[in-house]
Amino acid sequence: MHTDFSKIPDTTDVNTALSDWEVQDWAFNTSSSAGVMARKNDAENVWIKDGRLHLRQKGHKDGDDGPISVAEVDSKRTDFQHGSFRAKFKVTVDKKAVGGAVAGFFFYYDDEDESDIEILTRDGDKTIRYTQHPAYDSATDTTIPDATFQIQLKKSWSKMQEHRFDWTPSKTTFFQDNSAIKEMTKNVPKHEGKIMINLWANNGTWSGLPSTKDVKMEMEYIMMYFNTSASQSGNDKDFNSACEAAGGPENETVCWINDKSGVYSEDSKVTLSASPAASISQNLVLVVGVGLAALLLVWT
């Protein structure tokens, strides 16, 4: 599932332009006991211009009693189950702004089954957070060990770069510009779900104060290669038919993933240890070569 925003004309009607995605337009209520402010996903905070998808958290002035105006875009599909999920984007914030925002690209089933790439602008411009929920133990008021990490990036998140996570049944691996940065085995998602992109703040402990000036997230593309709940269970007839037509499942059944330039390399080819009589129950194995990753189906 590829969405290349350079191919899409400028528009503020993003729902019409993007068949696979849906701009959100709903609100979160305030929670005075937790100090959390109301916020609203506004469709006017999402647009396409100059070959990029733009999301915005509007500057929220101190003392403004209205909801914080934020942005969210969700996949229409809700059946993703394992795969490689990639988005090239940057985040910009005015240096004179007080407060900040959270920019997220993540998988979501529910609050207990979620895998996040998040930029908290208050962390500094070379820090990113990788989290798999649940990451907080309310009974002890502590962070769950190995469920969330702050990682230093090689370059500022204000520079355009590809952020990626590869989700398999046993682990999730997070990448920056095709280099593996962090592998997590704690709280790996177990259910099918959707992919979300958002930019928000709510005065809570995670985001901190909302930025007093606009924060923007600009995205060049989203590229996703995935199993679904149907293919994972062996019930996707189209998938099964395509596999059979390709001669699999066999020891050398390989499904290539090209990089954005369309390049792949024999250096990434591997032999699968599987039986031709294997049933269709697959996991994802990613083998990184120069400029690409090959996505392989392991038949068990």
Protein backbone atom coordinates (compact mmCIF):
# COMPACT_ATOMS: atom_id res chain seq x y z
CA MET A 1 0.00 0.00 0.00
CA HIS A 2 1.90 3.04 -1.32
CA THR A 3 0.90 6.68 -0.88
CA ASP A 4 3.30 9.01 -2.70
CA PHE A 5 2.22 12.57 -2.04
CA SER A 6 4.40 13.92 -4.86
CA LYS A 7 1.87 12.40 -7.27
CA ILE A 8 -1.12 14.20 -5.74
CA PRO A 9 -2.16 17.76 -6.71
CA ASP A 10 -2.43 20.43 -4.03
CA THR A 11 -5.71 20.10 -2.13
CA THR A 12 -7.42 20.76 1.17
CA ASP A 13 -9.94 17.98 0.45
CA VAL A 14 -7.62 15.22 1.55
CA ASN A 15 -10.35 12.61 2.08
CA THR A 16 -11.24 12.80 -1.61
CA ALA A 17 -7.60 12.72 -2.70
CA LEU A 18 -6.55 9.74 -0.54
CA SER A 19 -8.56 6.57 -1.09
CA ASP A 20 -6.69 4.59 1.59
CA TRP A 21 -6.75 7.21 4.35
CA GLU A 22 -9.29 9.18 6.36
CA VAL A 23 -8.81 12.59 7.99
CA GLN A 24 -10.19 12.63 11.53
CA ASP A 25 -12.57 15.31 12.79
CA TRP A 26 -13.52 14.67 16.41
CA ALA A 27 -12.60 15.86 19.90
CA PHE A 28 -11.17 14.72 23.26
CA ASN A 29 -12.74 16.22 26.37
CA THR A 30 -10.78 17.96 29.08
CA SER A 31 -9.77 16.11 32.25
CA SER A 32 -9.24 18.70 34.99
CA SER A 33 -8.13 16.08 37.53
CA ALA A 34 -5.22 15.06 35.28
CA GLY A 35 -4.56 18.58 34.03
CA VAL A 36 -5.36 17.47 30.48
CA MET A 37 -6.80 20.08 28.15
CA ALA A 38 -9.46 19.42 25.51
CA ARG A 39 -8.22 18.95 21.97
CA LYS A 40 -9.94 18.60 18.61
CA ASN A 41 -8.87 16.94 15.39
CA ASP A 42 -9.70 19.54 12.75
CA ALA A 43 -9.80 18.63 9.06
CA GLU A 44 -8.48 22.12 8.23
CA ASN A 45 -5.19 21.08 9.85
CA VAL A 46 -4.54 18.51 7.11
CA TRP A 47 -3.74 19.38 3.50
CA ILE A 48 -1.53 18.41 0.55
CA LYS A 49 0.79 21.01 -0.96
CA ASP A 50 3.97 20.87 -3.04
CA GLY A 51 4.00 17.08 -3.04
CA ARG A 52 3.72 16.65 0.71
CA LEU A 53 1.04 15.81 3.24
CA HIS A 54 0.89 18.52 5.91
CA LEU A 55 -0.41 18.10 9.46
CA ARG A 56 -0.60 21.01 11.91
CA GLN A 57 -1.08 21.68 15.58
CA LYS A 58 -2.28 25.25 15.67
CA GLY A 59 -0.51 27.57 18.04
CA HIS A 60 -2.46 27.65 21.32
CA LYS A 61 -2.08 30.85 23.30
CA ASP A 62 -1.72 30.78 27.06
CA GLY A 63 -5.13 31.38 28.63
CA ASP A 64 -7.11 30.17 25.60
CA ASP A 65 -10.04 28.14 27.00
CA GLY A 66 -10.91 26.48 23.69
CA PRO A 67 -9.70 23.03 22.64
CA ILE A 68 -6.22 22.67 21.19
CA SER A 69 -6.58 22.37 17.40
CA VAL A 70 -4.68 19.25 16.24
CA ALA A 71 -4.53 16.76 13.34
CA GLU A 72 -4.91 13.03 12.73
CA VAL A 73 -5.08 10.76 9.67
CA ASP A 74 -5.99 7.05 10.00
CA SER A 75 -5.82 4.17 7.55
CA LYS A 76 -9.20 2.94 6.38
CA ARG A 77 -7.93 -0.61 6.69
CA THR A 78 -8.06 -2.04 10.18
CA ASP A 79 -6.73 -5.53 9.39
CA PHE A 80 -2.95 -5.00 9.34
CA GLN A 81 -1.20 -7.89 11.07
CA HIS A 82 2.63 -7.87 10.82
CA GLY A 83 4.58 -6.03 8.18
CA SER A 84 6.98 -3.24 7.34
CA PHE A 85 5.61 0.30 7.75
CA ARG A 86 7.57 3.29 6.47
CA ALA A 87 6.95 7.03 6.29
CA LYS A 88 9.30 9.82 5.24
CA PHE A 89 8.63 13.02 7.16
CA LYS A 90 9.97 15.93 9.17
CA VAL A 91 8.63 18.07 12.01
CA THR A 92 9.11 21.82 12.31
CA VAL A 93 8.44 24.11 15.26
CA ASP A 94 9.08 27.82 15.70
CA LYS A 95 12.11 28.38 17.97
CA LYS A 96 10.23 31.17 19.73
CA ALA A 97 7.34 28.88 20.68
CA VAL A 98 6.61 27.99 24.27
CA GLY A 99 5.46 24.40 24.74
CA GLY A 100 5.47 21.69 22.09
CA ALA A 101 3.66 18.83 20.37
CA VAL A 102 3.80 15.09 19.70
CA ALA A 103 4.19 13.81 16.13
CA GLY A 104 3.27 10.14 15.76
CA PHE A 105 3.39 7.37 13.15
CA PHE A 106 2.12 4.15 14.69
CA PHE A 107 0.10 0.93 14.73
CA TYR A 108 -3.04 0.86 16.89
CA TYR A 109 -5.49 -1.80 18.00
CA ASP A 110 -6.28 -0.41 21.45
CA ASP A 111 -4.43 1.29 24.32
CA GLU A 112 -3.03 -2.08 25.39
CA ASP A 113 -1.94 -3.16 21.89
CA GLU A 114 -0.07 -0.32 20.20
CA SER A 115 3.37 0.25 18.67
CA ASP A 116 4.55 3.88 18.40
CA ILE A 117 7.14 6.04 16.71
CA GLU A 118 6.79 9.45 18.36
CA ILE A 119 8.64 12.74 18.30
CA LEU A 120 8.12 14.88 21.41
CA THR A 121 9.40 18.30 20.45
CA ARG A 122 10.16 19.09 24.09
CA ASP A 123 12.79 16.31 24.08
CA GLY A 124 15.13 18.17 21.76
CA ASP A 125 15.54 17.87 18.01
CA LYS A 126 17.58 14.65 17.89
CA THR A 127 15.47 12.50 20.21
CA ILE A 128 12.75 10.03 19.20
CA ARG A 129 10.66 7.67 21.30
CA TYR A 130 9.74 4.06 20.54
CA THR A 131 6.96 2.59 22.69
CA GLN A 132 4.89 -0.59 22.83
CA HIS A 133 1.87 -0.41 25.09
CA PRO A 134 1.09 -0.88 27.87
CA ALA A 135 4.09 1.20 28.94
CA TYR A 136 2.79 2.51 32.27
CA ASP A 137 1.76 0.65 35.42
CA SER A 138 -0.93 2.72 37.14
CA ALA A 139 -0.84 0.51 40.24
CA THR A 140 2.79 1.39 40.95
CA ASP A 141 2.85 4.73 39.09
CA THR A 142 5.94 3.59 37.20
CA THR A 143 7.04 2.99 33.63
CA ILE A 144 7.02 -0.67 32.59
CA PRO A 145 10.61 -1.81 31.94
CA ASP A 146 11.64 -2.27 28.27
CA ALA A 147 8.30 -0.93 26.97
CA THR A 148 9.46 2.57 25.99
CA PHE A 149 12.81 4.07 24.96
CA GLN A 150 14.26 7.47 24.13
CA ILE A 151 16.69 7.10 21.23
CA GLN A 152 19.15 9.61 19.79
CA LEU A 153 18.78 10.18 16.05
CA LYS A 154 21.70 10.67 13.70
CA LYS A 155 20.17 13.89 12.45
CA SER A 156 17.48 16.28 13.61
CA TRP A 157 13.84 15.29 13.12
CA SER A 158 13.49 18.70 11.47
CA LYS A 159 15.31 17.15 8.49
CA MET A 160 13.38 14.91 6.09
CA GLN A 161 14.07 11.23 6.83
CA GLU A 162 12.39 7.82 6.67
CA HIS A 163 11.01 6.42 9.91
CA ARG A 164 10.04 2.75 9.89
CA PHE A 165 9.00 -0.16 12.06
CA ASP A 166 9.01 -3.83 11.08
CA TRP A 167 6.51 -5.81 13.12
CA THR A 168 6.80 -9.60 13.38
CA PRO A 169 5.12 -11.96 15.87
CA SER A 170 8.14 -11.99 18.19
CA LYS A 171 9.61 -8.49 17.89
CA THR A 172 9.36 -5.00 16.47
CA THR A 173 12.43 -3.37 14.92
CA PHE A 174 12.60 0.41 14.50
CA PHE A 175 14.64 2.08 11.75
CA GLN A 176 15.92 5.49 10.76
CA ASP A 177 16.73 5.88 7.06
CA ASN A 178 16.92 2.09 6.59
CA SER A 179 19.30 1.58 9.52
CA ALA A 180 18.01 -0.56 12.39
CA ILE A 181 18.06 1.53 15.58
CA LYS A 182 16.14 -0.45 18.20
CA GLU A 183 14.66 -3.93 18.56
CA MET A 184 11.84 -4.46 21.06
CA THR A 185 10.38 -7.75 22.28
CA LYS A 186 8.24 -6.32 25.11
CA ASN A 187 4.50 -5.94 24.41
CA VAL A 188 4.70 -6.83 20.72
CA PRO A 189 1.18 -6.26 19.28
CA LYS A 190 -0.94 -9.41 19.00
CA HIS A 191 -4.09 -8.19 17.22
CA GLU A 192 -4.90 -6.79 13.81
CA GLY A 193 -5.31 -3.01 13.67
CA LYS A 194 -4.80 0.25 11.77
CA ILE A 195 -1.99 2.70 11.04
CA MET A 196 -2.28 6.25 12.32
CA ILE A 197 -0.47 9.57 11.82
CA ASN A 198 -1.07 12.44 14.21
CA LEU A 199 0.22 15.74 15.57
CA TRP A 200 -1.16 16.78 18.94
CA ALA A 201 -0.69 18.21 22.44
CA ASN A 202 -2.96 18.18 25.51
CA ASN A 203 -0.94 19.62 28.42
CA GLY A 204 -0.52 16.08 29.78
CA THR A 205 2.64 14.49 31.10
CA TRP A 206 3.57 13.09 27.65
CA SER A 207 3.15 16.14 25.41
CA GLY A 208 3.63 18.90 27.95
CA LEU A 209 2.21 22.36 27.27
CA PRO A 210 0.79 22.85 23.76
CA SER A 211 2.97 24.96 21.51
CA THR A 212 2.03 28.63 21.41
CA LYS A 213 2.97 28.68 17.71
CA ASP A 214 2.09 26.32 14.86
CA VAL A 215 3.87 22.96 14.75
CA LYS A 216 3.93 21.20 11.37
CA MET A 217 4.56 17.66 10.19
CA GLU A 218 5.38 17.26 6.47
CA MET A 219 5.33 13.81 4.88
CA GLU A 220 6.64 12.76 1.45
CA TYR A 221 5.35 9.19 1.33
CA ILE A 222 3.99 6.19 3.22
CA MET A 223 4.98 2.68 2.05
CA MET A 224 3.57 -0.37 3.78
CA TYR A 225 4.07 -4.09 3.12
CA PHE A 226 1.93 -6.29 5.29
CA ASN A 227 0.01 -9.38 6.15
CA THR A 228 -3.63 -9.05 7.09
CA SER A 229 -5.72 -10.91 9.63
CA ALA A 230 -7.14 -12.93 6.71
CA SER A 231 -3.78 -13.85 5.16
CA GLN A 232 -2.33 -14.55 8.60
CA SER A 233 -5.07 -17.12 9.23
CA GLY A 234 -4.78 -18.59 5.72
CA ASN A 235 -8.24 -17.38 4.67
CA ASP A 236 -7.23 -14.81 2.03
CA LYS A 237 -8.12 -16.54 -1.25
CA ASP A 238 -6.39 -13.94 -3.44
CA PHE A 239 -3.19 -14.24 -1.42
CA ASN A 240 -3.29 -18.02 -1.48
CA SER A 241 -3.87 -18.03 -5.24
CA ALA A 242 -0.99 -15.61 -5.86
CA CYS A 243 1.29 -17.73 -3.70
CA GLU A 244 0.40 -20.88 -5.60
CA ALA A 245 0.92 -19.11 -8.95
CA ALA A 246 4.41 -18.10 -7.77
CA GLY A 247 5.25 -21.73 -7.08
CA GLY A 248 5.01 -21.59 -3.31
CA PRO A 249 5.03 -22.35 -0.54
CA GLU A 250 8.46 -23.78 -1.26
CA ASN A 251 12.01 -23.39 0.01
CA GLU A 252 12.75 -20.51 -2.36
CA THR A 253 9.45 -18.64 -2.39
CA VAL A 254 10.58 -15.02 -2.15
CA CYS A 255 8.58 -11.81 -2.32
CA TRP A 256 10.80 -8.83 -3.10
CA ILE A 257 10.28 -5.32 -1.80
CA ASN A 258 12.00 -2.67 -3.89
CA ASP A 259 13.16 0.59 -2.40
CA LYS A 260 11.48 3.79 -3.61
CA SER A 261 13.74 3.94 -6.68
CA GLY A 262 12.57 0.48 -7.74
CA VAL A 263 15.91 -1.23 -7.06
CA TYR A 264 16.47 -4.66 -5.58
CA SER A 265 19.56 -6.79 -5.20
CA GLU A 266 20.43 -10.46 -5.38
CA ASP A 267 22.57 -9.83 -2.29
CA SER A 268 19.39 -9.93 -0.23
CA LYS A 269 18.20 -13.28 -1.50
CA VAL A 270 18.00 -16.11 1.04
CA THR A 271 16.81 -19.70 1.02
CA LEU A 272 13.82 -20.42 3.19
CA SER A 273 13.83 -23.53 5.35
CA ALA A 274 10.33 -24.80 4.73
CA SER A 275 8.50 -27.78 3.33
CA PRO A 276 6.59 -27.63 0.02
CA ALA A 277 3.71 -29.26 1.86
CA ALA A 278 3.62 -26.53 4.49
CA SER A 279 0.36 -24.90 5.43
CA ILE A 280 -0.18 -21.22 4.80
CA SER A 281 0.69 -19.69 8.15
CA GLN A 282 3.31 -17.05 7.59
CA ASN A 283 5.62 -14.80 9.51
CA LEU A 284 7.64 -11.91 8.11
CA VAL A 285 11.40 -12.00 7.82
CA LEU A 286 13.25 -8.90 6.63
CA VAL A 287 16.69 -9.16 5.09
CA VAL A 288 18.40 -5.81 4.59
CA GLY A 289 20.52 -5.25 1.51
CA VAL A 290 22.01 -2.10 0.02
CA GLY A 291 19.18 0.37 -0.36
CA LEU A 292 16.37 -2.08 0.22
CA ALA A 293 14.75 -4.65 2.39
CA ALA A 294 13.45 -7.97 1.07
CA LEU A 295 10.22 -9.13 2.66
CA LEU A 296 10.07 -12.89 2.87
CA LEU A 297 7.24 -15.21 3.83
CA VAL A 298 8.29 -18.05 6.09
CA TRP A 299 5.95 -20.99 5.68
CA THR A 300 5.47 -23.09 8.81
